[in-house]
PDB file of N, CA and C in Angstrom:
ATOM      1  N   MET A   1       0.670  -1.524  -0.064  1.00  0.00           N
ATOM      2  CA  MET A   1      -0.064  -0.361   0.555  1.00  0.00           C
ATOM      3  C   MET A   1       1.031   1.085  -0.472  1.00  0.00           C
ATOM      4  N   ALA A   2       1.944   1.649   0.847  1.00  0.00           N
ATOM      5  CA  ALA A   2       3.171   2.461   0.641  1.00  0.00           C
ATOM      6  C   ALA A   2       3.447   2.819  -0.633  1.00  0.00           C
ATOM      7  N   VAL A   3       3.495   1.754  -0.985  1.00  0.00           N
ATOM      8  CA  VAL A   3       4.449   2.106  -2.549  1.00  0.00           C
ATOM      9  C   VAL A   3       3.295   2.232  -3.110  1.00  0.00           C
ATOM     10  N   LYS A   4       1.891   2.177  -3.014  1.00  0.00           N
ATOM     11  CA  LYS A   4       1.058   2.730  -4.137  1.00  0.00           C
ATOM     12  C   LYS A   4       1.314   4.479  -3.738  1.00  0.00           C
ATOM     13  N   ILE A   5       1.269   4.505  -2.861  1.00  0.00           N
ATOM     14  CA  ILE A   5       0.775   6.167  -2.279  1.00  0.00           C
ATOM     15  C   ILE A   5       2.273   6.579  -2.931  1.00  0.00           C
ATOM     16  N   PHE A   6       3.265   6.292  -2.654  1.00  0.00           N
ATOM     17  CA  PHE A   6       4.579   6.693  -3.168  1.00  0.00           C
ATOM     18  C   PHE A   6       4.950   6.871  -4.572  1.00  0.00           C
ATOM     19  N   GLY A   7       4.292   5.772  -5.199  1.00  0.00           N
ATOM     20  CA  GLY A   7       3.855   6.290  -6.514  1.00  0.00           C
ATOM     21  C   GLY A   7       3.310   7.285  -7.374  1.00  0.00           C
ATOM     22  N   ALA A   8       2.160   7.725  -6.712  1.00  0.00           N
ATOM     23  CA  ALA A   8       1.352   8.612  -6.759  1.00  0.00           C
ATOM     24  C   ALA A   8       1.890   9.725  -6.312  1.00  0.00           C
ATOM     25  N   ILE A   9       2.604   9.718  -5.377  1.00  0.00           N
ATOM     26  CA  ILE A   9       3.219  10.724  -4.695  1.00  0.00           C
ATOM     27  C   ILE A   9       4.219  11.606  -6.245  1.00  0.00           C
ATOM     28  N   ASP A  10       5.143  10.343  -6.774  1.00  0.00           N
ATOM     29  CA  ASP A  10       6.024  10.287  -7.806  1.00  0.00           C
ATOM     30  C   ASP A  10       5.032  11.193  -9.058  1.00  0.00           C
ATOM     31  N   ILE A  11       4.328  10.442  -9.420  1.00  0.00           N
ATOM     32  CA  ILE A  11       3.352  11.065 -10.658  1.00  0.00           C
ATOM     33  C   ILE A  11       2.810  12.373 -10.220  1.00  0.00           C
ATOM     34  N   PHE A  12       2.347  12.443  -9.136  1.00  0.00           N
ATOM     35  CA  PHE A  12       2.117  14.179  -8.824  1.00  0.00           C
ATOM     36  C   PHE A  12       3.415  15.241  -9.089  1.00  0.00           C
ATOM     37  N   VAL A  13       4.496  15.163  -8.300  1.00  0.00           N
ATOM     38  CA  VAL A  13       5.569  15.932  -8.644  1.00  0.00           C
ATOM     39  C   VAL A  13       5.975  15.738  -9.842  1.00  0.00           C
ATOM     40  N   GLY A  14       6.309  14.644 -10.595  1.00  0.00           N
ATOM     41  CA  GLY A  14       6.556  14.474 -12.073  1.00  0.00           C
ATOM     42  C   GLY A  14       5.972  16.134 -12.577  1.00  0.00           C
ATOM     43  N   LEU A  15       4.673  15.569 -12.701  1.00  0.00           N
ATOM     44  CA  LEU A  15       3.455  16.311 -13.841  1.00  0.00           C
ATOM     45  C   LEU A  15       3.647  17.471 -13.476  1.00  0.00           C
ATOM     46  N   ILE A  16       3.418  17.995 -11.873  1.00  0.00           N
ATOM     47  CA  ILE A  16       3.482  19.245 -11.654  1.00  0.00           C
ATOM     48  C   ILE A  16       4.410  19.922 -11.814  1.00  0.00           C
ATOM     49  N   PHE A  17       6.123  19.299 -11.441  1.00  0.00           N
ATOM     50  CA  PHE A  17       7.118  20.090 -11.140  1.00  0.00           C
ATOM     51  C   PHE A  17       7.186  20.291 -13.894  1.00  0.00           C
ATOM     52  N   TRP A  18       6.618  19.411 -14.347  1.00  0.00           N
ATOM     53  CA  TRP A  18       6.677  19.519 -15.528  1.00  0.00           C
ATOM     54  C   TRP A  18       5.578  20.815 -16.071  1.00  0.00           C
ATOM     55  N   ILE A  19       4.845  20.653 -15.493  1.00  0.00           N
ATOM     56  CA  ILE A  19       3.741  21.827 -15.931  1.00  0.00           C
ATOM     57  C   ILE A  19       4.433  23.386 -15.226  1.00  0.00           C
ATOM     58  N   TYR A  20       4.815  22.943 -14.092  1.00  0.00           N
ATOM     59  CA  TYR A  20       5.706  24.289 -13.901  1.00  0.00           C
ATOM     60  C   TYR A  20       6.658  25.210 -14.675  1.00  0.00           C
ATOM     61  N   SER A  21       7.214  24.045 -14.729  1.00  0.00           N
ATOM     62  CA  SER A  21       8.937  24.446 -15.432  1.00  0.00           C
ATOM     63  C   SER A  21       8.604  25.110 -17.349  1.00  0.00           C
ATOM     64  N   MET A  22       6.742  24.387 -17.859  1.00  0.00           N
ATOM     65  CA  MET A  22       6.609  24.552 -19.146  1.00  0.00           C
ATOM     66  C   MET A  22       6.195  26.346 -18.842  1.00  0.00           C
ATOM     67  N   LEU A  23       5.165  26.478 -18.285  1.00  0.00           N
ATOM     68  CA  LEU A  23       4.820  27.613 -17.860  1.00  0.00           C
ATOM     69  C   LEU A  23       5.373  28.483 -17.371  1.00  0.00           C
ATOM     70  N   ASN A  24       6.742  28.676 -16.933  1.00  0.00           N
ATOM     71  CA  ASN A  24       7.945  29.175 -16.107  1.00  0.00           C
ATOM     72  C   ASN A  24       7.944  30.026 -17.466  1.00  0.00           C
ATOM     73  N   SER A  25       8.574  28.636 -18.583  1.00  0.00           N
ATOM     74  CA  SER A  25       9.440  29.295 -19.794  1.00  0.00           C
ATOM     75  C   SER A  25       9.026  29.979 -20.653  1.00  0.00           C
ATOM     76  N   ILE A  26       7.645  29.852 -20.474  1.00  0.00           N
ATOM     77  CA  ILE A  26       6.517  31.183 -21.879  1.00  0.00           C
ATOM     78  C   ILE A  26       6.743  32.007 -20.443  1.00  0.00           C
ATOM     79  N   GLY A  27       6.664  32.337 -19.206  1.00  0.00           N
ATOM     80  CA  GLY A  27       5.799  33.515 -18.745  1.00  0.00           C
ATOM     81  C   GLY A  27       5.427  33.928 -18.155  1.00  0.00           C
ATOM     82  N   TRP A  28       4.605  32.406 -17.861  1.00  0.00           N
ATOM     83  CA  TRP A  28       3.518  32.630 -16.629  1.00  0.00           C
ATOM     84  C   TRP A  28       3.618  32.012 -15.452  1.00  0.00           C
ATOM     85  N   ASN A  29       3.481  32.081 -14.725  1.00  0.00           N
ATOM     86  CA  ASN A  29       4.210  32.260 -13.421  1.00  0.00           C
ATOM     87  C   ASN A  29       2.763  31.515 -12.245  1.00  0.00           C
ATOM     88  N   ILE A  30       1.955  30.334 -12.846  1.00  0.00           N
ATOM     89  CA  ILE A  30       0.889  30.433 -12.552  1.00  0.00           C
ATOM     90  C   ILE A  30       0.766  29.254 -11.306  1.00  0.00           C
ATOM     91  N   ILE A  31       1.750  28.309 -10.934  1.00  0.00           N
ATOM     92  CA  ILE A  31       2.288  27.535 -10.130  1.00  0.00           C
ATOM     93  C   ILE A  31       3.061  28.413  -8.441  1.00  0.00           C
ATOM     94  N   PRO A  32       2.359  28.494  -8.254  1.00  0.00           N
ATOM     95  CA  PRO A  32       3.482  29.393  -7.045  1.00  0.00           C
ATOM     96  C   PRO A  32       4.600  28.129  -6.774  1.00  0.00           C
ATOM     97  N   ASP A  33       5.841  29.168  -6.590  1.00  0.00           N
ATOM     98  CA  ASP A  33       7.185  28.763  -5.735  1.00  0.00           C
ATOM     99  C   ASP A  33       7.349  27.280  -4.718  1.00  0.00           C
ATOM    100  N   GLY A  34       6.424  28.017  -3.670  1.00  0.00           N
ATOM    101  CA  GLY A  34       5.968  27.401  -2.506  1.00  0.00           C
ATOM    102  C   GLY A  34       5.757  25.691  -2.683  1.00  0.00           C
ATOM    103  N   LEU A  35       4.752  25.593  -3.259  1.00  0.00           N
ATOM    104  CA  LEU A  35       4.292  24.338  -3.429  1.00  0.00           C
ATOM    105  C   LEU A  35       5.289  23.277  -4.307  1.00  0.00           C
ATOM    106  N   ILE A  36       6.150  23.845  -5.609  1.00  0.00           N
ATOM    107  CA  ILE A  36       7.565  23.319  -5.781  1.00  0.00           C
ATOM    108  C   ILE A  36       8.245  22.900  -4.909  1.00  0.00           C
ATOM    109  N   ILE A  37       8.623  23.895  -3.893  1.00  0.00           N
ATOM    110  CA  ILE A  37       9.295  23.760  -2.753  1.00  0.00           C
ATOM    111  C   ILE A  37       9.257  22.340  -1.866  1.00  0.00           C
ATOM    112  N   VAL A  38       7.832  22.629  -1.500  1.00  0.00           N
ATOM    113  CA  VAL A  38       6.939  21.472  -0.602  1.00  0.00           C
ATOM    114  C   VAL A  38       7.272  20.284  -1.230  1.00  0.00           C
ATOM    115  N   LEU A  39       7.017  20.362  -2.574  1.00  0.00           N
ATOM    116  CA  LEU A  39       6.834  18.870  -3.427  1.00  0.00           C
ATOM    117  C   LEU A  39       8.407  18.619  -3.665  1.00  0.00           C
ATOM    118  N   GLY A  40       9.492  19.269  -3.737  1.00  0.00           N
ATOM    119  CA  GLY A  40      11.260  19.039  -3.736  1.00  0.00           C
ATOM    120  C   GLY A  40      11.418  18.356  -2.662  1.00  0.00           C
ATOM    121  N   ILE A  41      11.068  19.426  -1.362  1.00  0.00           N
ATOM    122  CA  ILE A  41      11.020  18.337   0.117  1.00  0.00           C
ATOM    123  C   ILE A  41      10.806  17.451   0.228  1.00  0.00           C
ATOM    124  N   ILE A  42       9.513  16.975  -0.245  1.00  0.00           N
ATOM    125  CA  ILE A  42       8.651  15.693   0.204  1.00  0.00           C
ATOM    126  C   ILE A  42       9.609  14.798  -0.572  1.00  0.00           C
ATOM    127  N   LEU A  43       9.743  14.600  -1.744  1.00  0.00           N
ATOM    128  CA  LEU A  43      10.527  14.065  -2.520  1.00  0.00           C
ATOM    129  C   LEU A  43      11.713  13.521  -2.157  1.00  0.00           C
ATOM    130  N   LEU A  44      12.577  14.546  -1.469  1.00  0.00           N
ATOM    131  CA  LEU A  44      14.126  14.853  -0.850  1.00  0.00           C
ATOM    132  C   LEU A  44      14.020  13.710   0.412  1.00  0.00           C
ATOM    133  N   ILE A  45      12.856  13.834   1.224  1.00  0.00           N
ATOM    134  CA  ILE A  45      13.042  12.933   2.748  1.00  0.00           C
ATOM    135  C   ILE A  45      12.082  12.074   1.835  1.00  0.00           C
ATOM    136  N   LYS A  46      11.167  11.566   0.838  1.00  0.00           N
ATOM    137  CA  LYS A  46      11.486  10.085   0.301  1.00  0.00           C
ATOM    138  C   LYS A  46      12.206   9.638   0.109  1.00  0.00           C
ATOM    139  N   GLY A  47      13.353  10.446  -0.946  1.00  0.00           N
ATOM    140  CA  GLY A  47      14.720   9.669  -1.184  1.00  0.00           C
ATOM    141  C   GLY A  47      15.614   9.153  -0.062  1.00  0.00           C
ATOM    142  N   LEU A  48      16.106  10.187   0.800  1.00  0.00           N
ATOM    143  CA  LEU A  48      16.610  10.573   2.007  1.00  0.00           C
ATOM    144  C   LEU A  48      16.255   8.969   2.585  1.00  0.00           C
ATOM    145  N   ILE A  49      14.900   8.629   2.717  1.00  0.00           N
ATOM    146  CA  ILE A  49      14.604   7.875   3.678  1.00  0.00           C
ATOM    147  C   ILE A  49      15.021   6.056   3.258  1.00  0.00           C
ATOM    148  N   PHE A  50      14.828   6.423   1.760  1.00  0.00           N
ATOM    149  CA  PHE A  50      15.325   4.996   1.223  1.00  0.00           C
ATOM    150  C   PHE A  50      16.588   4.768   0.620  1.00  0.00           C
ATOM    151  N   ALA A  51      17.195   5.667   0.147  1.00  0.00           N
ATOM    152  CA  ALA A  51      18.778   5.912   0.176  1.00  0.00           C
ATOM    153  C   ALA A  51      19.646   4.992   0.813  1.00  0.00           C
ATOM    154  N   ILE A  52      19.180   5.240   2.106  1.00  0.00           N
ATOM    155  CA  ILE A  52      19.903   4.516   3.624  1.00  0.00           C
ATOM    156  C   ILE A  52      20.279   3.044   3.184  1.00  0.00           C
ATOM    157  N   GLY A  53      19.034   2.233   2.534  1.00  0.00           N
ATOM    158  CA  GLY A  53      19.614   0.953   1.852  1.00  0.00           C
ATOM    159  C   GLY A  53      20.285   1.092   0.903  1.00  0.00           C
ATOM    160  N   LEU A  54      20.530   2.020   0.394  1.00  0.00           N
ATOM    161  CA  LEU A  54      21.559   2.293  -0.737  1.00  0.00           C
ATOM    162  C   LEU A  54      21.023   1.931  -2.403  1.00  0.00           C
ATOM    163  N   ASP A  55      19.666   2.008  -2.525  1.00  0.00           N
ATOM    164  CA  ASP A  55      18.569   2.079  -3.137  1.00  0.00           C
ATOM    165  C   ASP A  55      18.998   2.647  -4.163  1.00  0.00           C
ATOM    166  N   PHE A  56      19.276   2.420  -5.479  1.00  0.00           N
ATOM    167  CA  PHE A  56      19.552   3.394  -6.808  1.00  0.00           C
ATOM    168  C   PHE A  56      18.411   4.122  -6.606  1.00  0.00           C
ATOM    169  N   PHE A  57      17.593   4.018  -7.465  1.00  0.00           N
ATOM    170  CA  PHE A  57      16.484   4.947  -7.676  1.00  0.00           C
ATOM    171  C   PHE A  57      16.202   5.728  -6.572  1.00  0.00           C
ATOM    172  N   SER A  58      15.793   5.245  -5.165  1.00  0.00           N
ATOM    173  CA  SER A  58      16.288   6.487  -4.170  1.00  0.00           C
ATOM    174  C   SER A  58      16.898   7.471  -3.945  1.00  0.00           C
ATOM    175  N   VAL A  59      18.479   7.256  -4.695  1.00  0.00           N
ATOM    176  CA  VAL A  59      19.760   7.828  -4.902  1.00  0.00           C
ATOM    177  C   VAL A  59      19.331   8.573  -5.503  1.00  0.00           C
ATOM    178  N   LEU A  60      18.582   8.611  -7.108  1.00  0.00           N
ATOM    179  CA  LEU A  60      18.121   9.108  -8.248  1.00  0.00           C
ATOM    180  C   LEU A  60      17.044  10.622  -7.880  1.00  0.00           C
ATOM    181  N   ASP A  61      15.993   9.855  -7.005  1.00  0.00           N
ATOM    182  CA  ASP A  61      14.998  10.755  -6.494  1.00  0.00           C
ATOM    183  C   ASP A  61      15.683  11.879  -5.290  1.00  0.00           C
ATOM    184  N   VAL A  62      16.940  11.533  -4.835  1.00  0.00           N
ATOM    185  CA  VAL A  62      17.621  12.702  -4.353  1.00  0.00           C
ATOM    186  C   VAL A  62      18.000  13.708  -5.405  1.00  0.00           C
ATOM    187  N   ILE A  63      18.669  13.337  -6.108  1.00  0.00           N
ATOM    188  CA  ILE A  63      19.118  14.185  -7.074  1.00  0.00           C
ATOM    189  C   ILE A  63      18.429  14.598  -7.772  1.00  0.00           C
ATOM    190  N   THR A  64      17.244  14.132  -8.271  1.00  0.00           N
ATOM    191  CA  THR A  64      16.336  14.516  -9.212  1.00  0.00           C
ATOM    192  C   THR A  64      15.226  15.873  -8.080  1.00  0.00           C
ATOM    193  N   ALA A  65      15.614  15.889  -6.510  1.00  0.00           N
ATOM    194  CA  ALA A  65      14.236  16.482  -5.684  1.00  0.00           C
ATOM    195  C   ALA A  65      15.804  17.755  -5.178  1.00  0.00           C
ATOM    196  N   ILE A  66      16.663  17.916  -5.551  1.00  0.00           N
ATOM    197  CA  ILE A  66      17.651  18.644  -5.574  1.00  0.00           C
ATOM    198  C   ILE A  66      18.107  20.188  -7.043  1.00  0.00           C
ATOM    199  N   ILE A  67      17.564  19.009  -7.799  1.00  0.00           N
ATOM    200  CA  ILE A  67      17.689  20.068  -9.284  1.00  0.00           C
ATOM    201  C   ILE A  67      15.754  20.588  -9.640  1.00  0.00           C
ATOM    202  N   ILE A  68      14.995  20.081  -8.162  1.00  0.00           N
ATOM    203  CA  ILE A  68      13.113  20.719  -8.636  1.00  0.00           C
ATOM    204  C   ILE A  68      14.104  21.739  -7.859  1.00  0.00           C
ATOM    205  N   LEU A  69      14.579  21.847  -6.776  1.00  0.00           N
ATOM    206  CA  LEU A  69      14.710  22.637  -5.737  1.00  0.00           C
ATOM    207  C   LEU A  69      15.769  23.803  -6.396  1.00  0.00           C
ATOM    208  N   ILE A  70      16.320  23.389  -6.884  1.00  0.00           N
ATOM    209  CA  ILE A  70      17.130  24.437  -7.453  1.00  0.00           C
ATOM    210  C   ILE A  70      16.485  25.041  -9.057  1.00  0.00           C
ATOM    211  N   SER A  71      15.240  24.721  -9.218  1.00  0.00           N
ATOM    212  CA  SER A  71      14.788  25.230 -10.686  1.00  0.00           C
ATOM    213  C   SER A  71      14.124  26.034  -9.885  1.00  0.00           C
ATOM    214  N   ILE A  72      13.508  26.150  -8.451  1.00  0.00           N
ATOM    215  CA  ILE A  72      13.017  27.808  -8.403  1.00  0.00           C
ATOM    216  C   ILE A  72      14.101  29.285  -8.632  1.00  0.00           C
ATOM    217  N   SER A  73      15.026  28.962  -8.211  1.00  0.00           N
ATOM    218  CA  SER A  73      16.731  29.917  -8.526  1.00  0.00           C
ATOM    219  C   SER A  73      16.779  30.125  -9.962  1.00  0.00           C
ATOM    220  N   PHE A  74      16.696  28.974 -11.123  1.00  0.00           N
ATOM    221  CA  PHE A  74      17.571  29.174 -11.983  1.00  0.00           C
ATOM    222  C   PHE A  74      16.270  28.377 -13.144  1.00  0.00           C
ATOM    223  N   THR A  75      16.500  28.630 -14.081  1.00  0.00           N
ATOM    224  CA  THR A  75      15.887  28.187 -15.299  1.00  0.00           C
ATOM    225  C   THR A  75      16.707  26.734 -16.248  1.00  0.00           C
ATOM    226  N   LEU A  76      15.339  25.582 -16.085  1.00  0.00           N
ATOM    227  CA  LEU A  76      16.225  23.917 -16.333  1.00  0.00           C
ATOM    228  C   LEU A  76      16.151  24.252 -18.026  1.00  0.00           C
ATOM    229  N   PRO A  77      17.039  23.735 -18.708  1.00  0.00           N
ATOM    230  CA  PRO A  77      17.019  23.709 -19.554  1.00  0.00           C
ATOM    231  C   PRO A  77      15.433  22.525 -20.338  1.00  0.00           C
ATOM    232  N   THR A  78      15.119  22.743 -21.485  1.00  0.00           N
ATOM    233  CA  THR A  78      13.963  21.934 -21.345  1.00  0.00           C
ATOM    234  C   THR A  78      13.818  20.498 -21.330  1.00  0.00           C
ATOM    235  N   THR A  79      14.846  19.888 -22.003  1.00  0.00           N
ATOM    236  CA  THR A  79      15.459  18.644 -22.444  1.00  0.00           C
ATOM    237  C   THR A  79      15.521  18.331 -20.624  1.00  0.00           C
ATOM    238  N   ALA A  80      16.209  18.344 -19.750  1.00  0.00           N
ATOM    239  CA  ALA A  80      16.052  18.105 -18.139  1.00  0.00           C
ATOM    240  C   ALA A  80      15.098  18.091 -17.627  1.00  0.00           C
ATOM    241  N   VAL A  81      13.807  19.665 -17.922  1.00  0.00           N
ATOM    242  CA  VAL A  81      12.645  19.115 -17.417  1.00  0.00           C
ATOM    243  C   VAL A  81      11.777  17.693 -17.896  1.00  0.00           C
ATOM    244  N   HIS A  82      12.056  17.926 -19.362  1.00  0.00           N
ATOM    245  CA  HIS A  82      10.930  16.454 -19.476  1.00  0.00           C
ATOM    246  C   HIS A  82      11.673  15.256 -18.905  1.00  0.00           C
ATOM    247  N   VAL A  83      13.106  15.515 -18.722  1.00  0.00           N
ATOM    248  CA  VAL A  83      13.788  13.643 -18.169  1.00  0.00           C
ATOM    249  C   VAL A  83      13.452  13.513 -17.186  1.00  0.00           C
ATOM    250  N   ILE A  84      13.184  14.808 -15.963  1.00  0.00           N
ATOM    251  CA  ILE A  84      12.592  14.555 -14.894  1.00  0.00           C
ATOM    252  C   ILE A  84      10.823  14.092 -14.949  1.00  0.00           C
ATOM    253  N   GLY A  85      10.498  15.252 -15.573  1.00  0.00           N
ATOM    254  CA  GLY A  85       8.665  14.597 -15.437  1.00  0.00           C
ATOM    255  C   GLY A  85       8.701  13.587 -15.916  1.00  0.00           C
ATOM    256  N   ILE A  86       9.944  12.475 -16.895  1.00  0.00           N
ATOM    257  CA  ILE A  86       9.473  10.918 -17.971  1.00  0.00           C
ATOM    258  C   ILE A  86       9.570  10.295 -16.231  1.00  0.00           C
ATOM    259  N   TYR A  87      11.093  10.452 -15.702  1.00  0.00           N
ATOM    260  CA  TYR A  87      11.600   9.500 -15.149  1.00  0.00           C
ATOM    261  C   TYR A  87      10.863   9.524 -14.109  1.00  0.00           C
ATOM    262  N   LEU A  88       9.861  10.641 -13.399  1.00  0.00           N
ATOM    263  CA  LEU A  88       9.245  10.742 -11.580  1.00  0.00           C
ATOM    264  C   LEU A  88       7.609  10.270 -12.778  1.00  0.00           C
ATOM    265  N   VAL A  89       7.521  10.415 -13.646  1.00  0.00           N
ATOM    266  CA  VAL A  89       6.069   9.603 -14.138  1.00  0.00           C
ATOM    267  C   VAL A  89       6.248   8.048 -14.090  1.00  0.00           C
ATOM    268  N   GLY A  90       6.968   7.966 -14.687  1.00  0.00           N
ATOM    269  CA  GLY A  90       7.625   6.730 -15.281  1.00  0.00           C
ATOM    270  C   GLY A  90       7.419   5.604 -13.464  1.00  0.00           C
ATOM    271  N   LYS A  91       8.529   6.236 -12.864  1.00  0.00           N
ATOM    272  CA  LYS A  91       8.827   5.122 -12.318  1.00  0.00           C
ATOM    273  C   LYS A  91       7.460   5.531 -10.765  1.00  0.00           C
ATOM    274  N   GLY A  92       6.223   5.829 -11.186  1.00  0.00           N
ATOM    275  CA  GLY A  92       5.270   6.252 -10.386  1.00  0.00           C
ATOM    276  C   GLY A  92       4.009   5.280 -10.716  1.00  0.00           C
ATOM    277  N   ILE A  93       4.085   5.205 -12.235  1.00  0.00           N
ATOM    278  CA  ILE A  93       3.638   4.083 -13.070  1.00  0.00           C
ATOM    279  C   ILE A  93       3.567   2.876 -12.397  1.00  0.00           C
ATOM    280  N   VAL A  94       5.244   2.470 -12.523  1.00  0.00           N
ATOM    281  CA  VAL A  94       5.888   1.047 -11.639  1.00  0.00           C
ATOM    282  C   VAL A  94       5.253   0.955 -10.728  1.00  0.00           C
ATOM    283  N   SER A  95       5.383   2.297  -9.501  1.00  0.00           N
ATOM    284  CA  SER A  95       4.806   1.621  -8.430  1.00  0.00           C
ATOM    285  C   SER A  95       3.340   1.212  -8.562  1.00  0.00           C
ATOM    286  N   LEU A  96       2.478   2.012  -9.061  1.00  0.00           N
ATOM    287  CA  LEU A  96       1.734   1.929  -9.078  1.00  0.00           C
ATOM    288  C   LEU A  96       1.062   0.231  -9.660  1.00  0.00           C
ATOM    289  N   ALA A  97       1.588  -0.247 -10.590  1.00  0.00           N
ATOM    290  CA  ALA A  97       1.405  -1.571 -11.203  1.00  0.00           C
ATOM    291  C   ALA A  97       1.539  -2.517 -10.469  1.00  0.00           C
ATOM    292  N   GLY A  98       2.608  -2.097  -9.593  1.00  0.00           N
ATOM    293  CA  GLY A  98       3.760  -3.446  -9.188  1.00  0.00           C
ATOM    294  C   GLY A  98       2.762  -3.911  -7.365  1.00  0.00           C
TER     295      GLY A  98
END
């Protein structure tokens, strides 16, 4: 059950981050930065909890969370945003399917 909840969180974070980055790239600041910070911190905490066991994907979650938190200050390349969004949504779908 917890895996499915974490999978849903991954999908939510991936989609919101992708929408946030795409809208900010065209100058529409609809999604508040605070929401992205909270989602990045949630992903960071989730990744750190499971990274203790040296799970590869949890380490990637930590790296992804750091990049999401950095994206508040800097505009990321579109390719990086797509890769992060696809990674999180894909990981979430696999978690929900399993």
